[in-house]
Amino acid sequence: MCLSTVYGRRGQEEEQVLCNNVSMIQVEDNNIRLTDVLGCDMIVPGALVSADLTQGVVVIALS
C-alpha cells in the first residue's frame, strides 16, 4: 500500500503538512479531497502541483 503525506503551499510561504497517510486524492472542481488510511476526508481548496508517489509526497497550491 502506498500512502502519501500531502503538503500545502501558499505563494512563497514554506510548505506545511496538511494530511498524513493519504490513500486517495480526488479533484473536485477547485477543491481536492484527501482521504487518509482510516477513511477520514479533508477538502482543500487549491490545485495539484506535484505528486511523487515513490517518495510519498504530494504538493498542493492552496487558493
Protein backbone atom coordinates (compact mmCIF):
# COMPACT_ATOMS: atom_id res chain seq x y z
CA MET A 1 0.00 0.00 0.00
CA CYS A 2 1.35 3.44 -0.97
CA LEU A 3 0.48 6.24 1.43
CA SER A 4 1.50 9.86 0.97
CA THR A 5 1.99 12.99 3.01
CA VAL A 6 0.24 15.99 1.45
CA TYR A 7 1.79 19.44 1.81
CA GLY A 8 0.10 22.78 1.17
CA ARG A 9 1.87 25.80 -0.25
CA ARG A 10 0.53 29.35 -0.43
CA GLY A 11 2.62 31.69 -2.59
CA GLN A 12 6.25 31.79 -1.45
CA GLU A 13 5.49 30.56 2.08
CA GLU A 14 7.05 27.38 3.41
CA GLU A 15 5.10 24.18 2.75
CA GLN A 16 3.02 22.84 5.65
CA VAL A 17 1.73 19.32 6.22
CA LEU A 18 -1.99 19.14 5.50
CA CYS A 19 -2.60 15.42 5.93
CA ASN A 20 -0.59 12.24 6.60
CA ASN A 21 -1.19 8.66 5.43
CA VAL A 22 -3.28 9.76 2.44
CA SER A 23 -4.54 6.80 0.43
CA MET A 24 -6.81 8.61 -2.08
CA ILE A 25 -6.79 12.02 -3.79
CA GLN A 26 -9.78 13.26 -5.78
CA VAL A 27 -10.01 16.54 -7.70
CA GLU A 28 -13.48 18.11 -7.44
CA ASP A 29 -13.73 21.41 -9.36
CA ASN A 30 -11.43 23.82 -7.47
CA ASN A 31 -11.13 21.54 -4.44
CA ILE A 32 -9.05 18.48 -3.65
CA ARG A 33 -10.47 15.74 -1.44
CA LEU A 34 -7.86 13.90 0.62
CA THR A 35 -8.82 10.59 2.21
CA ASP A 36 -6.49 9.02 4.76
CA VAL A 37 -5.99 5.35 5.51
CA LEU A 38 -8.69 5.48 8.22
CA GLY A 39 -11.26 6.91 5.78
CA CYS A 40 -11.27 10.47 7.15
CA ASP A 41 -11.80 13.13 4.45
CA MET A 42 -10.32 16.61 4.21
CA ILE A 43 -11.38 19.00 1.44
CA VAL A 44 -8.77 21.58 0.47
CA PRO A 45 -9.32 24.48 -1.97
CA GLY A 46 -6.43 24.53 -4.41
CA ALA A 47 -4.66 22.84 -7.29
CA LEU A 48 -2.32 19.88 -7.51
CA VAL A 49 1.30 20.99 -8.05
CA SER A 50 3.18 17.68 -7.90
CA ALA A 51 2.87 14.07 -6.81
CA ASP A 52 5.99 11.98 -6.15
CA LEU A 53 4.40 8.66 -5.29
CA THR A 54 7.77 6.90 -4.97
CA GLN A 55 8.67 9.25 -2.11
CA GLY A 56 5.08 9.58 -0.88
CA VAL A 57 5.00 13.37 -1.27
CA VAL A 58 2.15 15.40 -2.78
CA VAL A 59 2.14 19.22 -3.00
CA ILE A 60 -0.98 21.37 -3.37
CA ALA A 61 -1.04 25.10 -4.18
CA LEU A 62 -3.61 26.49 -1.76
CA SER A 63 -6.10 29.05 -3.01
